[in-house]
C-alpha atoms as a PDB file:
ATOM      1  CA  MET A   1       1.720  21.352  16.716  1.00  0.00           C
ATOM      2  CA  HIS A   2       1.717  21.091  20.631  1.00  0.00           C
ATOM      3  CA  ILE A   3      -1.165  22.888  22.325  1.00  0.00           C
ATOM      4  CA  GLU A   4      -0.389  24.352  25.576  1.00  0.00           C
ATOM      5  CA  PRO A   5      -2.154  23.205  28.858  1.00  0.00           C
ATOM      6  CA  GLY A   6      -4.872  25.063  29.713  1.00  0.00           C
ATOM      7  CA  LEU A   7      -6.139  26.084  26.956  1.00  0.00           C
ATOM      8  CA  ILE A   8      -8.460  23.494  26.147  1.00  0.00           C
ATOM      9  CA  ALA A   9     -11.562  23.040  28.334  1.00  0.00           C
ATOM     10  CA  PRO A  10     -11.669  19.542  30.518  1.00  0.00           C
ATOM     11  CA  ALA A  11     -14.914  18.205  28.693  1.00  0.00           C
ATOM     12  CA  LYS A  12     -13.149  18.655  25.522  1.00  0.00           C
ATOM     13  CA  LEU A  13     -10.523  16.987  26.808  1.00  0.00           C
ATOM     14  CA  LEU A  14     -12.875  13.877  27.013  1.00  0.00           C
ATOM     15  CA  PHE A  15     -13.766  14.226  23.946  1.00  0.00           C
ATOM     16  CA  ALA A  16     -10.266  13.986  22.298  1.00  0.00           C
ATOM     17  CA  ALA A  17      -9.458  11.373  24.611  1.00  0.00           C
ATOM     18  CA  ALA A  18     -12.680   9.370  23.377  1.00  0.00           C
ATOM     19  CA  ALA A  19     -11.862  10.389  19.560  1.00  0.00           C
ATOM     20  CA  ALA A  20      -7.735   9.545  19.877  1.00  0.00           C
ATOM     21  CA  THR A  21      -8.998   6.139  21.934  1.00  0.00           C
ATOM     22  CA  ALA A  22     -11.047   4.973  18.902  1.00  0.00           C
ATOM     23  CA  VAL A  23      -8.564   5.973  16.198  1.00  0.00           C
ATOM     24  CA  LEU A  24      -6.098   3.621  18.175  1.00  0.00           C
ATOM     25  CA  ALA A  25      -8.652   0.886  18.887  1.00  0.00           C
ATOM     26  CA  CYS A  26      -8.967   0.439  14.953  1.00  0.00           C
ATOM     27  CA  TYR A  27      -5.076   0.022  14.084  1.00  0.00           C
ATOM     28  CA  VAL A  28      -3.623  -1.653  17.166  1.00  0.00           C
ATOM     29  CA  PRO A  29      -5.083  -5.137  16.656  1.00  0.00           C
ATOM     30  CA  ARG A  30      -3.070  -5.141  13.669  1.00  0.00           C
ATOM     31  CA  LEU A  31       0.520  -5.698  15.717  1.00  0.00           C
ATOM     32  CA  LEU A  32      -1.134  -8.773  17.339  1.00  0.00           C
ATOM     33  CA  LYS A  33      -1.339  -9.862  13.750  1.00  0.00           C
ATOM     34  CA  GLN A  34       2.164  -8.985  12.317  1.00  0.00           C
ATOM     35  CA  PRO A  35       4.944  -8.798  15.246  1.00  0.00           C
ATOM     36  CA  ALA A  36       7.184  -6.982  12.908  1.00  0.00           C
ATOM     37  CA  LEU A  37       4.753  -4.085  13.136  1.00  0.00           C
ATOM     38  CA  ALA A  38       5.198  -3.743  16.767  1.00  0.00           C
ATOM     39  CA  LEU A  39       8.731  -3.748  16.288  1.00  0.00           C
ATOM     40  CA  ARG A  40       8.408  -1.035  13.631  1.00  0.00           C
ATOM     41  CA  THR A  41       5.867   1.122  15.567  1.00  0.00           C
ATOM     42  CA  LEU A  42       8.358   1.279  18.459  1.00  0.00           C
ATOM     43  CA  LEU A  43      11.509   2.373  16.084  1.00  0.00           C
ATOM     44  CA  ALA A  44       8.833   4.857  14.892  1.00  0.00           C
ATOM     45  CA  ALA A  45       8.146   6.398  18.108  1.00  0.00           C
ATOM     46  CA  LEU A  46      11.805   6.209  18.924  1.00  0.00           C
ATOM     47  CA  PHE A  47      12.637   8.036  15.722  1.00  0.00           C
ATOM     48  CA  PHE A  48       9.903  10.757  16.092  1.00  0.00           C
ATOM     49  CA  SER A  49      10.696  11.783  19.658  1.00  0.00           C
ATOM     50  CA  VAL A  50      14.285  12.199  19.002  1.00  0.00           C
ATOM     51  CA  PHE A  51      13.350  14.407  15.799  1.00  0.00           C
ATOM     52  CA  MET A  52      11.128  16.357  18.025  1.00  0.00           C
ATOM     53  CA  GLN A  53      13.763  16.837  20.658  1.00  0.00           C
ATOM     54  CA  ILE A  54      16.184  17.976  18.172  1.00  0.00           C
ATOM     55  CA  PHE A  55      14.668  21.113  17.093  1.00  0.00           C
ATOM     56  CA  HIS A  56      11.364  22.684  18.518  1.00  0.00           C
ATOM     57  CA  LEU A  57      11.040  26.417  18.330  1.00  0.00           C
ATOM     58  CA  LYS A  58       7.921  28.408  20.002  1.00  0.00           C
ATOM     59  CA  ALA A  59       5.560  29.701  16.956  1.00  0.00           C
ATOM     60  CA  GLY A  60       2.747  31.994  17.574  1.00  0.00           C
ATOM     61  CA  PRO A  61       0.248  29.937  20.007  1.00  0.00           C
ATOM     62  CA  SER A  62       1.801  26.524  19.142  1.00  0.00           C
ATOM     63  CA  GLU A  63       5.461  25.253  18.624  1.00  0.00           C
ATOM     64  CA  LEU A  64       7.683  24.285  15.566  1.00  0.00           C
ATOM     65  CA  HIS A  65       8.890  20.765  15.842  1.00  0.00           C
ATOM     66  CA  PHE A  66      10.661  18.874  13.090  1.00  0.00           C
ATOM     67  CA  LEU A  67       8.112  16.067  12.984  1.00  0.00           C
ATOM     68  CA  GLY A  68       9.670  13.609  10.313  1.00  0.00           C
ATOM     69  CA  ALA A  69       6.108  12.357   9.698  1.00  0.00           C
ATOM     70  CA  ILE A  70       6.923  11.391   5.776  1.00  0.00           C
ATOM     71  CA  PRO A  71      10.461   9.785   6.461  1.00  0.00           C
ATOM     72  CA  LEU A  72       8.920   7.447   9.273  1.00  0.00           C
ATOM     73  CA  TYR A  73       5.919   6.637   6.913  1.00  0.00           C
ATOM     74  CA  LEU A  74       8.286   5.626   4.057  1.00  0.00           C
ATOM     75  CA  SER A  75      10.321   3.570   6.153  1.00  0.00           C
ATOM     76  CA  PHE A  76       8.051   1.983   8.611  1.00  0.00           C
ATOM     77  CA  GLY A  77       4.990   1.461   6.437  1.00  0.00           C
ATOM     78  CA  PHE A  78       1.014   3.836   7.484  1.00  0.00           C
ATOM     79  CA  VAL A  79       0.192   1.970  10.654  1.00  0.00           C
ATOM     80  CA  PRO A  80       3.959   1.891  12.871  1.00  0.00           C
ATOM     81  CA  THR A  81       3.859   5.362  11.629  1.00  0.00           C
ATOM     82  CA  LEU A  82       0.638   6.442  12.841  1.00  0.00           C
ATOM     83  CA  LEU A  83       0.900   4.605  16.116  1.00  0.00           C
ATOM     84  CA  GLY A  84       4.326   5.737  16.551  1.00  0.00           C
ATOM     85  CA  LEU A  85       3.550   9.322  16.655  1.00  0.00           C
ATOM     86  CA  ALA A  86       1.040   9.086  19.815  1.00  0.00           C
ATOM     87  CA  LEU A  87       3.599   6.493  21.411  1.00  0.00           C
ATOM     88  CA  GLY A  88       6.498   8.859  20.727  1.00  0.00           C
ATOM     89  CA  LEU A  89       4.115  11.815  22.301  1.00  0.00           C
ATOM     90  CA  LEU A  90       3.668   9.872  25.081  1.00  0.00           C
ATOM     91  CA  LEU A  91       7.514   8.902  25.169  1.00  0.00           C
ATOM     92  CA  GLN A  92       8.199  12.628  25.085  1.00  0.00           C
ATOM     93  CA  GLY A  93       6.025  13.546  27.897  1.00  0.00           C
ATOM     94  CA  LEU A  94       7.447  10.871  30.443  1.00  0.00           C
ATOM     95  CA  VAL A  95      10.905  11.695  29.718  1.00  0.00           C
ATOM     96  CA  PHE A  96      10.974  15.374  28.693  1.00  0.00           C
ATOM     97  CA  GLU A  97       7.778  17.156  29.012  1.00  0.00           C
ATOM     98  CA  PRO A  98       5.264  16.078  31.513  1.00  0.00           C
ATOM     99  CA  GLN A  99       3.192  19.290  31.405  1.00  0.00           C
ATOM    100  CA  ASP A 100       2.160  17.943  27.918  1.00  0.00           C
ATOM    101  CA  LEU A 101       0.812  14.644  28.648  1.00  0.00           C
ATOM    102  CA  VAL A 102      -2.949  16.504  29.594  1.00  0.00           C
ATOM    103  CA  HIS A 103      -2.916  17.063  26.403  1.00  0.00           C
ATOM    104  CA  LEU A 104      -1.576  14.021  24.431  1.00  0.00           C
ATOM    105  CA  ALA A 105      -5.175  12.921  23.171  1.00  0.00           C
ATOM    106  CA  VAL A 106      -5.074  16.337  21.548  1.00  0.00           C
ATOM    107  CA  ASN A 107      -1.549  16.375  20.593  1.00  0.00           C
ATOM    108  CA  SER A 108      -1.991  12.636  18.886  1.00  0.00           C
ATOM    109  CA  LEU A 109      -5.125  13.523  17.060  1.00  0.00           C
ATOM    110  CA  SER A 110      -3.264  16.748  15.295  1.00  0.00           C
ATOM    111  CA  LEU A 111      -0.890  14.291  14.154  1.00  0.00           C
ATOM    112  CA  MET A 112      -2.656  10.862  13.395  1.00  0.00           C
ATOM    113  CA  LEU A 113      -5.466  12.589  11.569  1.00  0.00           C
ATOM    114  CA  PRO A 114      -3.672  14.461   9.125  1.00  0.00           C
ATOM    115  CA  LEU A 115      -1.487  10.888   8.255  1.00  0.00           C
ATOM    116  CA  MET A 116      -4.502   9.093   7.772  1.00  0.00           C
ATOM    117  CA  LEU A 117      -5.768  11.981   5.454  1.00  0.00           C
ATOM    118  CA  MET A 118      -2.088  11.956   3.641  1.00  0.00           C
ATOM    119  CA  HIS A 119      -2.329   8.099   3.544  1.00  0.00           C
ATOM    120  CA  TYR A 120      -6.001   7.756   2.438  1.00  0.00           C
ATOM    121  CA  GLY A 121      -6.200  10.653   0.142  1.00  0.00           C
ATOM    122  CA  LEU A 122      -3.136  10.846  -1.198  1.00  0.00           C
ATOM    123  CA  ALA A 123      -0.072   8.587  -0.555  1.00  0.00           C
ATOM    124  CA  ARG A 124      -2.168   5.172  -2.191  1.00  0.00           C
ATOM    125  CA  ARG A 125      -2.557   6.601  -5.798  1.00  0.00           C
ATOM    126  CA  LEU A 126       0.890   8.698  -5.950  1.00  0.00           C
ATOM    127  CA  LEU A 127       2.857   5.639  -4.387  1.00  0.00           C
ATOM    128  CA  GLY A 128       0.355   2.513  -6.192  1.00  0.00           C
ATOM    129  CA  ASP A 129       2.645   2.693  -9.266  1.00  0.00           C
ATOM    130  CA  LYS A 130       5.278   0.438  -8.019  1.00  0.00           C
ATOM    131  CA  ASP A 131       7.202   1.770 -11.546  1.00  0.00           C
ATOM    132  CA  LYS A 132       7.052   5.063 -11.173  1.00  0.00           C
ATOM    133  CA  PRO A 133       9.944   6.436  -8.972  1.00  0.00           C
ATOM    134  CA  ILE A 134       9.474   8.627  -5.837  1.00  0.00           C
ATOM    135  CA  GLY A 135      10.668  11.656  -6.694  1.00  0.00           C
ATOM    136  CA  VAL A 136      10.796  15.427  -5.092  1.00  0.00           C
ATOM    137  CA  ALA A 137       7.794  16.129  -6.362  1.00  0.00           C
ATOM    138  CA  THR A 138       5.665  13.528  -5.128  1.00  0.00           C
ATOM    139  CA  LEU A 139       7.335  14.386  -1.739  1.00  0.00           C
ATOM    140  CA  VAL A 140       6.564  17.801  -1.438  1.00  0.00           C
ATOM    141  CA  LYS A 141       3.178  16.668  -2.085  1.00  0.00           C
ATOM    142  CA  LEU A 142       2.884  14.220   0.567  1.00  0.00           C
ATOM    143  CA  ASP A 143       4.605  17.063   3.205  1.00  0.00           C
ATOM    144  CA  ALA A 144       1.941  19.753   1.710  1.00  0.00           C
ATOM    145  CA  VAL A 145      -1.023  17.729   2.737  1.00  0.00           C
ATOM    146  CA  PHE A 146       0.418  16.644   6.254  1.00  0.00           C
ATOM    147  CA  TYR A 147       1.530  19.645   7.192  1.00  0.00           C
ATOM    148  CA  SER A 148      -1.716  21.589   5.726  1.00  0.00           C
ATOM    149  CA  GLY A 149      -3.448  18.737   7.998  1.00  0.00           C
ATOM    150  CA  VAL A 150      -1.587  19.753  11.059  1.00  0.00           C
ATOM    151  CA  VAL A 151      -1.702  23.299  10.869  1.00  0.00           C
ATOM    152  CA  ALA A 152      -5.825  22.950  10.456  1.00  0.00           C
ATOM    153  CA  MET A 153      -5.574  20.877  13.848  1.00  0.00           C
ATOM    154  CA  VAL A 154      -4.061  23.290  15.521  1.00  0.00           C
ATOM    155  CA  GLY A 155      -6.586  25.721  14.241  1.00  0.00           C
ATOM    156  CA  PHE A 156      -9.413  23.722  15.156  1.00  0.00           C
ATOM    157  CA  TRP A 157      -8.370  23.387  18.623  1.00  0.00           C
ATOM    158  CA  LEU A 158      -7.666  26.969  18.966  1.00  0.00           C
ATOM    159  CA  ALA A 159     -10.832  27.545  17.926  1.00  0.00           C
ATOM    160  CA  LEU A 160     -12.198  25.371  20.768  1.00  0.00           C
ATOM    161  CA  GLY A 161     -10.077  26.956  23.193  1.00  0.00           C
ATOM    162  CA  GLN A 162     -11.142  28.838  26.436  1.00  0.00           C
ATOM    163  CA  THR A 163      -9.646  31.984  25.400  1.00  0.00           C
ATOM    164  CA  GLN A 164      -9.372  33.641  22.172  1.00  0.00           C
ATOM    165  CA  THR A 165      -6.630  33.388  19.866  1.00  0.00           C
ATOM    166  CA  ALA A 166      -6.204  35.606  17.029  1.00  0.00           C
ATOM    167  CA  PHE A 167      -6.192  35.229  13.513  1.00  0.00           C
ATOM    168  CA  ALA A 168      -2.660  36.442  12.693  1.00  0.00           C
ATOM    169  CA  ASP A 169      -1.048  34.306  15.445  1.00  0.00           C
ATOM    170  CA  TRP A 170      -2.434  31.109  13.720  1.00  0.00           C
ATOM    171  CA  ALA A 171      -1.278  32.227  10.566  1.00  0.00           C
ATOM    172  CA  GLY A 172       2.138  32.741  11.933  1.00  0.00           C
ATOM    173  CA  PHE A 173       2.300  29.660  13.378  1.00  0.00           C
ATOM    174  CA  ALA A 174       1.400  28.310   9.666  1.00  0.00           C
ATOM    175  CA  ALA A 175       3.919  30.212   7.779  1.00  0.00           C
ATOM    176  CA  ALA A 176       6.420  28.924  10.430  1.00  0.00           C
ATOM    177  CA  TYR A 177       6.094  25.252   8.481  1.00  0.00           C
ATOM    178  CA  LEU A 178       6.567  26.578   5.255  1.00  0.00           C
ATOM    179  CA  PRO A 179      10.256  26.146   5.505  1.00  0.00           C
ATOM    180  CA  TRP A 180       9.690  22.483   6.106  1.00  0.00           C
ATOM    181  CA  LEU A 181       8.392  22.168   2.513  1.00  0.00           C
ATOM    182  CA  ILE A 182      11.834  22.528   1.465  1.00  0.00           C
ATOM    183  CA  VAL A 183      13.899  20.925   4.462  1.00  0.00           C
ATOM    184  CA  GLU A 184      12.205  17.799   4.800  1.00  0.00           C
ATOM    185  CA  PRO A 185      11.669  16.295   1.510  1.00  0.00           C
ATOM    186  CA  LEU A 186      16.072  16.240   1.392  1.00  0.00           C
ATOM    187  CA  PHE A 187      15.896  14.618   4.386  1.00  0.00           C
ATOM    188  CA  THR A 188      13.349  12.248   3.281  1.00  0.00           C
ATOM    189  CA  LEU A 189      15.586  11.402  -0.419  1.00  0.00           C
ATOM    190  CA  ALA A 190      18.530  10.805   2.300  1.00  0.00           C
ATOM    191  CA  ILE A 191      16.968   8.279   4.042  1.00  0.00           C
ATOM    192  CA  LEU A 192      15.534   6.615   1.023  1.00  0.00           C
ATOM    193  CA  TRP A 193      19.038   6.471  -0.314  1.00  0.00           C
ATOM    194  CA  LEU A 194      19.942   4.433   2.826  1.00  0.00           C
ATOM    195  CA  LEU A 195      17.377   2.163   2.114  1.00  0.00           C
ATOM    196  CA  ARG A 196      17.549   1.838  -1.521  1.00  0.00           C
ATOM    197  CA  PRO A 197      18.010  -1.716  -2.882  1.00  0.00           C
ATOM    198  CA  ALA A 198      21.709  -1.701  -3.263  1.00  0.00           C
ATOM    199  CA  GLY A 199      22.222  -0.531   0.305  1.00  0.00           C
ATOM    200  CA  ALA A 200      23.859  -2.411   2.904  1.00  0.00           C
ATOM    201  CA  LEU A 201      20.875  -2.684   5.195  1.00  0.00           C
ATOM    202  CA  ARG A 202      18.896  -5.334   2.964  1.00  0.00           C
ATOM    203  CA  ARG A 203      21.724  -7.843   3.578  1.00  0.00           C
ATOM    204  CA  PHE A 204      20.271  -8.056   7.348  1.00  0.00           C
ATOM    205  CA  ALA A 205      17.519 -10.247   8.097  1.00  0.00           C
ATOM    206  CA  LEU A 206      16.701  -7.902  10.947  1.00  0.00           C
ATOM    207  CA  ALA A 207      16.550  -4.816   9.032  1.00  0.00           C
ATOM    208  CA  ARG A 208      14.037  -6.255   6.520  1.00  0.00           C
ATOM    209  CA  LEU A 209      11.856  -7.007   9.941  1.00  0.00           C
ATOM    210  CA  CYS A 210      12.737  -3.025  10.912  1.00  0.00           C
ATOM    211  CA  PHE A 211      11.980  -1.076   7.745  1.00  0.00           C
ATOM    212  CA  ASP A 212       9.136  -1.476   4.879  1.00  0.00           C
ATOM    213  CA  PHE A 213      10.900  -1.910   1.873  1.00  0.00           C
ATOM    214  CA  SER A 214       7.988  -1.846  -0.241  1.00  0.00           C
ATOM    215  CA  LEU A 215       8.207   1.656  -1.076  1.00  0.00           C
ATOM    216  CA  THR A 216      11.722   2.266  -0.566  1.00  0.00           C
ATOM    217  CA  SER A 217      13.245  -0.324  -3.169  1.00  0.00           C
ATOM    218  CA  ARG A 218      11.778   2.789  -5.650  1.00  0.00           C
ATOM    219  CA  ALA A 219      14.672   5.156  -3.907  1.00  0.00           C
ATOM    220  CA  ALA A 220      17.319   4.495  -6.171  1.00  0.00           C
ATOM    221  CA  GLN A 221      15.122   5.176  -9.233  1.00  0.00           C
ATOM    222  CA  ALA A 222      14.668   8.697  -7.656  1.00  0.00           C
END
């Protein structure tokens, strides 16, 4: 989902920076009202950075990463994950990939907008029934919407690029994410199992600050 440096013209980078700033400005104030969200945002950013460093592979005009967005979303909540994605990219750029900082806004939008689409367009409906267990089918749907959004965003940035990118290259990048529709739901189920009602983490007050148990409380039924 990374857009390589030099592909986007400076004027378009300014547009991306303005758009990313507007998105963040809508949600950052919530951290001031709920301090627990700030802690969860930091944890989401840290785990997201670790996920990206664990696995990353060149795929066509971009890169294939293990993003772990849905496990983060279900563990920490929507706002911490949304902000954590951007903060995690900043952390990765500062520590591991300084050349990516020029496209920080572009890459942040490529993740934040799909997460917003998934949250407002699907997750609130699928996860709204607290009596319905979170099963594999639900997780696959969430992953499918999110990763489809990521692939579409990469295509959008490539279309705005200063150099022409072949459709086959973008299609190859899109196909590279298909295996994650199998791998990530299984990983998510493992995370939900760790955060289940009978899990040891429930005994600690700090864990209640770190994780959003409103969704993971249904993991034992999945």
